[in-house]
């Protein structure tokens, strides 16, 4: 066994996860230990932490684990591919990850604008004597302007 391999517990700490998650990733075919001891202990290469980070990043983008597996785990038919086909597959996986990030960024930008809109409206509330309570329908519509409240603010007022 190579001396640069690390035990599963140390690898879990290195990759910022836990033993249970690593075992689950292995069960799903997302991650394989580089080696096993005669006693069945799992050993990983330090560089395997990059794969764990990729899996977690894709999960954070909203991709379910089965889709992540399809995206990053080679199949038996992939093993016979030539270098050009292999690079094309990897490029496709990277492009899909880039698309997911762009999609998430658009979503976050919408959320950021909604927060700004709610905070702007809340600043207007400083000159109002009303308090959002059930008797005034939680200030819906606004007692000052008659306009509907931004949805985020309305959600927090209830």
C-alpha atoms as a PDB file:
ATOM      1  CA  UNK A   1       0.000   0.000   0.000  1.00  0.00           C
ATOM      2  CA  UNK A   2       1.302   3.433  -0.932  1.00  0.00           C
ATOM      3  CA  UNK A   3       2.515   5.589   1.936  1.00  0.00           C
ATOM      4  CA  UNK A   4       0.668   8.665   0.633  1.00  0.00           C
ATOM      5  CA  UNK A   5      -2.727   7.052   1.205  1.00  0.00           C
ATOM      6  CA  UNK A   6      -4.745   8.219   4.187  1.00  0.00           C
ATOM      7  CA  UNK A   7      -7.306   6.433   6.334  1.00  0.00           C
ATOM      8  CA  UNK A   8     -10.962   7.225   5.842  1.00  0.00           C
ATOM      9  CA  UNK A   9     -11.256   9.226   9.093  1.00  0.00           C
ATOM     10  CA  UNK A  10      -8.364  11.504   8.184  1.00  0.00           C
ATOM     11  CA  UNK A  11      -9.679  11.765   4.636  1.00  0.00           C
ATOM     12  CA  UNK A  12     -13.124  12.763   5.920  1.00  0.00           C
ATOM     13  CA  UNK A  13     -11.550  15.602   7.929  1.00  0.00           C
ATOM     14  CA  UNK A  14      -9.399  16.644   4.950  1.00  0.00           C
ATOM     15  CA  UNK A  15     -12.392  16.792   2.641  1.00  0.00           C
ATOM     16  CA  UNK A  16     -14.690  18.481   5.167  1.00  0.00           C
ATOM     17  CA  UNK A  17     -17.211  15.676   5.423  1.00  0.00           C
ATOM     18  CA  UNK A  18     -17.858  12.596   7.549  1.00  0.00           C
ATOM     19  CA  UNK A  19     -17.436   8.829   7.341  1.00  0.00           C
ATOM     20  CA  UNK A  20     -21.102   8.194   6.698  1.00  0.00           C
ATOM     21  CA  UNK A  21     -21.162  10.511   3.698  1.00  0.00           C
ATOM     22  CA  UNK A  22     -18.025   8.946   2.222  1.00  0.00           C
ATOM     23  CA  UNK A  23     -19.478   5.465   2.586  1.00  0.00           C
ATOM     24  CA  UNK A  24     -22.736   6.630   1.019  1.00  0.00           C
ATOM     25  CA  UNK A  25     -20.872   8.182  -1.926  1.00  0.00           C
ATOM     26  CA  UNK A  26     -19.090   4.867  -2.391  1.00  0.00           C
ATOM     27  CA  UNK A  27     -22.379   2.948  -2.221  1.00  0.00           C
ATOM     28  CA  UNK A  28     -23.794   5.190  -4.965  1.00  0.00           C
ATOM     29  CA  UNK A  29     -20.728   4.794  -7.176  1.00  0.00           C
ATOM     30  CA  UNK A  30     -19.595   8.397  -6.794  1.00  0.00           C
ATOM     31  CA  UNK A  31     -16.326   7.716  -4.984  1.00  0.00           C
ATOM     32  CA  UNK A  32     -14.031   4.750  -4.629  1.00  0.00           C
ATOM     33  CA  UNK A  33     -11.263   4.286  -2.102  1.00  0.00           C
ATOM     34  CA  UNK A  34      -7.835   4.007  -3.681  1.00  0.00           C
ATOM     35  CA  UNK A  35      -7.154   0.903  -1.605  1.00  0.00           C
ATOM     36  CA  UNK A  36      -8.429  -1.288   1.198  1.00  0.00           C
ATOM     37  CA  UNK A  37      -6.426  -2.933   3.923  1.00  0.00           C
ATOM     38  CA  UNK A  38      -6.665  -6.655   4.612  1.00  0.00           C
ATOM     39  CA  UNK A  39      -9.056  -5.717   7.421  1.00  0.00           C
ATOM     40  CA  UNK A  40     -11.303  -3.780   4.993  1.00  0.00           C
ATOM     41  CA  UNK A  41     -10.245  -0.271   6.046  1.00  0.00           C
ATOM     42  CA  UNK A  42     -10.666   2.288   3.292  1.00  0.00           C
ATOM     43  CA  UNK A  43      -7.709   4.406   2.174  1.00  0.00           C
ATOM     44  CA  UNK A  44      -7.866   7.451  -0.082  1.00  0.00           C
ATOM     45  CA  UNK A  45      -5.425   9.608  -1.992  1.00  0.00           C
ATOM     46  CA  UNK A  46      -5.330  13.216  -0.754  1.00  0.00           C
ATOM     47  CA  UNK A  47      -6.327  14.297  -4.287  1.00  0.00           C
ATOM     48  CA  UNK A  48      -9.597  12.332  -3.934  1.00  0.00           C
ATOM     49  CA  UNK A  49     -10.800  15.270  -1.833  1.00  0.00           C
ATOM     50  CA  UNK A  50     -11.233  17.175  -5.124  1.00  0.00           C
ATOM     51  CA  UNK A  51     -13.873  14.663  -6.185  1.00  0.00           C
ATOM     52  CA  UNK A  52     -15.688  15.017  -2.857  1.00  0.00           C
ATOM     53  CA  UNK A  53     -15.634  18.803  -3.297  1.00  0.00           C
ATOM     54  CA  UNK A  54     -17.041  18.460  -6.827  1.00  0.00           C
ATOM     55  CA  UNK A  55     -19.855  16.210  -5.589  1.00  0.00           C
ATOM     56  CA  UNK A  56     -20.709  18.656  -2.808  1.00  0.00           C
ATOM     57  CA  UNK A  57     -20.557  21.642  -5.168  1.00  0.00           C
ATOM     58  CA  UNK A  58     -22.936  19.942  -7.586  1.00  0.00           C
ATOM     59  CA  UNK A  59     -25.267  19.091  -4.700  1.00  0.00           C
ATOM     60  CA  UNK A  60     -25.201  22.739  -3.628  1.00  0.00           C
ATOM     61  CA  UNK A  61     -26.275  23.644  -7.148  1.00  0.00           C
ATOM     62  CA  UNK A  62     -29.353  21.471  -6.641  1.00  0.00           C
ATOM     63  CA  UNK A  63     -28.304  18.385  -8.571  1.00  0.00           C
ATOM     64  CA  UNK A  64     -29.493  15.108  -7.018  1.00  0.00           C
ATOM     65  CA  UNK A  65     -26.848  12.471  -6.350  1.00  0.00           C
ATOM     66  CA  UNK A  66     -28.091  10.120  -9.078  1.00  0.00           C
ATOM     67  CA  UNK A  67     -27.633  12.860 -11.680  1.00  0.00           C
ATOM     68  CA  UNK A  68     -24.222  13.689 -10.251  1.00  0.00           C
ATOM     69  CA  UNK A  69     -23.258  10.047 -10.643  1.00  0.00           C
ATOM     70  CA  UNK A  70     -24.431  10.078 -14.257  1.00  0.00           C
ATOM     71  CA  UNK A  71     -22.434  13.242 -14.838  1.00  0.00           C
ATOM     72  CA  UNK A  72     -19.130  12.274 -13.244  1.00  0.00           C
ATOM     73  CA  UNK A  73     -18.965   8.484 -12.893  1.00  0.00           C
ATOM     74  CA  UNK A  74     -17.568   6.580 -15.866  1.00  0.00           C
ATOM     75  CA  UNK A  75     -19.573   3.663 -17.204  1.00  0.00           C
ATOM     76  CA  UNK A  76     -18.155   0.449 -18.633  1.00  0.00           C
ATOM     77  CA  UNK A  77     -18.721   1.810 -22.151  1.00  0.00           C
ATOM     78  CA  UNK A  78     -16.684   4.920 -21.247  1.00  0.00           C
ATOM     79  CA  UNK A  79     -13.624   2.809 -20.482  1.00  0.00           C
ATOM     80  CA  UNK A  80     -13.142   1.959 -24.160  1.00  0.00           C
ATOM     81  CA  UNK A  81     -13.276   5.557 -25.349  1.00  0.00           C
ATOM     82  CA  UNK A  82     -10.294   7.150 -26.960  1.00  0.00           C
ATOM     83  CA  UNK A  83      -8.639  10.291 -25.594  1.00  0.00           C
ATOM     84  CA  UNK A  84     -10.673  12.647 -27.805  1.00  0.00           C
ATOM     85  CA  UNK A  85     -13.981  11.072 -26.764  1.00  0.00           C
ATOM     86  CA  UNK A  86     -12.941  11.089 -23.130  1.00  0.00           C
ATOM     87  CA  UNK A  87     -11.999  14.807 -23.293  1.00  0.00           C
ATOM     88  CA  UNK A  88     -15.332  15.549 -24.978  1.00  0.00           C
ATOM     89  CA  UNK A  89     -17.196  13.798 -22.168  1.00  0.00           C
ATOM     90  CA  UNK A  90     -15.239  15.712 -19.511  1.00  0.00           C
ATOM     91  CA  UNK A  91     -15.842  18.975 -21.368  1.00  0.00           C
ATOM     92  CA  UNK A  92     -19.564  18.205 -21.436  1.00  0.00           C
ATOM     93  CA  UNK A  93     -19.547  17.617 -17.677  1.00  0.00           C
ATOM     94  CA  UNK A  94     -17.730  20.909 -17.103  1.00  0.00           C
ATOM     95  CA  UNK A  95     -20.125  22.751 -19.434  1.00  0.00           C
ATOM     96  CA  UNK A  96     -23.111  21.328 -17.572  1.00  0.00           C
ATOM     97  CA  UNK A  97     -21.618  22.455 -14.270  1.00  0.00           C
ATOM     98  CA  UNK A  98     -21.055  25.924 -15.743  1.00  0.00           C
ATOM     99  CA  UNK A  99     -24.680  26.047 -16.897  1.00  0.00           C
ATOM    100  CA  UNK A 100     -25.890  25.066 -13.430  1.00  0.00           C
ATOM    101  CA  UNK A 101     -23.770  27.813 -11.867  1.00  0.00           C
ATOM    102  CA  UNK A 102     -25.124  30.392 -14.329  1.00  0.00           C
ATOM    103  CA  UNK A 103     -28.668  29.281 -13.545  1.00  0.00           C
ATOM    104  CA  UNK A 104     -28.034  29.549  -9.812  1.00  0.00           C
ATOM    105  CA  UNK A 105     -26.485  32.999 -10.254  1.00  0.00           C
ATOM    106  CA  UNK A 106     -29.604  34.215 -12.078  1.00  0.00           C
ATOM    107  CA  UNK A 107     -31.766  32.817  -9.281  1.00  0.00           C
ATOM    108  CA  UNK A 108     -29.617  34.477  -6.608  1.00  0.00           C
ATOM    109  CA  UNK A 109     -29.702  37.791  -8.473  1.00  0.00           C
ATOM    110  CA  UNK A 110     -33.515  37.700  -8.434  1.00  0.00           C
ATOM    111  CA  UNK A 111     -33.438  36.989  -4.704  1.00  0.00           C
ATOM    112  CA  UNK A 112     -30.975  39.844  -4.142  1.00  0.00           C
ATOM    113  CA  UNK A 113     -33.279  42.268  -6.001  1.00  0.00           C
ATOM    114  CA  UNK A 114     -36.270  41.080  -3.947  1.00  0.00           C
ATOM    115  CA  UNK A 115     -34.337  41.735  -0.734  1.00  0.00           C
ATOM    116  CA  UNK A 116     -33.347  45.206  -1.933  1.00  0.00           C
ATOM    117  CA  UNK A 117     -36.962  45.957  -2.852  1.00  0.00           C
ATOM    118  CA  UNK A 118     -38.179  44.770   0.568  1.00  0.00           C
ATOM    119  CA  UNK A 119     -35.533  46.789   2.407  1.00  0.00           C
ATOM    120  CA  UNK A 120     -36.374  49.880   0.374  1.00  0.00           C
ATOM    121  CA  UNK A 121     -40.058  49.525   1.244  1.00  0.00           C
ATOM    122  CA  UNK A 122     -39.181  48.879   4.900  1.00  0.00           C
ATOM    123  CA  UNK A 123     -37.229  52.156   4.923  1.00  0.00           C
ATOM    124  CA  UNK A 124     -40.451  53.905   3.820  1.00  0.00           C
ATOM    125  CA  UNK A 125     -42.193  52.339   6.817  1.00  0.00           C
ATOM    126  CA  UNK A 126     -40.130  54.510   9.152  1.00  0.00           C
ATOM    127  CA  UNK A 127     -42.407  57.466   8.423  1.00  0.00           C
ATOM    128  CA  UNK A 128     -45.560  55.410   9.043  1.00  0.00           C
ATOM    129  CA  UNK A 129     -47.278  54.998  12.396  1.00  0.00           C
ATOM    130  CA  UNK A 130     -48.888  51.685  11.377  1.00  0.00           C
ATOM    131  CA  UNK A 131     -47.664  48.384  12.655  1.00  0.00           C
ATOM    132  CA  UNK A 132     -48.336  45.255  10.564  1.00  0.00           C
ATOM    133  CA  UNK A 133     -51.015  43.402  12.547  1.00  0.00           C
ATOM    134  CA  UNK A 134     -54.009  41.292  11.600  1.00  0.00           C
ATOM    135  CA  UNK A 135     -56.405  44.262  12.094  1.00  0.00           C
ATOM    136  CA  UNK A 136     -54.808  46.119   9.141  1.00  0.00           C
ATOM    137  CA  UNK A 137     -54.172  42.925   7.154  1.00  0.00           C
ATOM    138  CA  UNK A 138     -50.468  43.174   8.055  1.00  0.00           C
ATOM    139  CA  UNK A 139     -50.188  46.457   6.141  1.00  0.00           C
ATOM    140  CA  UNK A 140     -51.402  44.865   2.929  1.00  0.00           C
ATOM    141  CA  UNK A 141     -51.892  47.061   0.982  1.00  0.00           C
ATOM    142  CA  UNK A 142     -49.461  49.648   2.307  1.00  0.00           C
ATOM    143  CA  UNK A 143     -51.222  52.208   4.502  1.00  0.00           C
ATOM    144  CA  UNK A 144     -49.072  55.032   3.039  1.00  0.00           C
ATOM    145  CA  UNK A 145     -49.117  54.326  -0.689  1.00  0.00           C
ATOM    146  CA  UNK A 146     -51.947  51.834  -1.198  1.00  0.00           C
ATOM    147  CA  UNK A 147     -49.529  49.605  -3.137  1.00  0.00           C
ATOM    148  CA  UNK A 148     -49.049  45.915  -2.501  1.00  0.00           C
ATOM    149  CA  UNK A 149     -46.096  45.053  -0.346  1.00  0.00           C
ATOM    150  CA  UNK A 150     -43.084  43.321  -1.869  1.00  0.00           C
ATOM    151  CA  UNK A 151     -43.710  39.590  -1.455  1.00  0.00           C
ATOM    152  CA  UNK A 152     -40.678  39.067   0.772  1.00  0.00           C
ATOM    153  CA  UNK A 153     -41.751  41.825   3.136  1.00  0.00           C
ATOM    154  CA  UNK A 154     -45.333  40.566   3.189  1.00  0.00           C
ATOM    155  CA  UNK A 155     -44.067  37.102   4.077  1.00  0.00           C
ATOM    156  CA  UNK A 156     -42.092  38.490   7.013  1.00  0.00           C
ATOM    157  CA  UNK A 157     -44.961  40.665   8.256  1.00  0.00           C
ATOM    158  CA  UNK A 158     -47.320  37.700   8.700  1.00  0.00           C
END
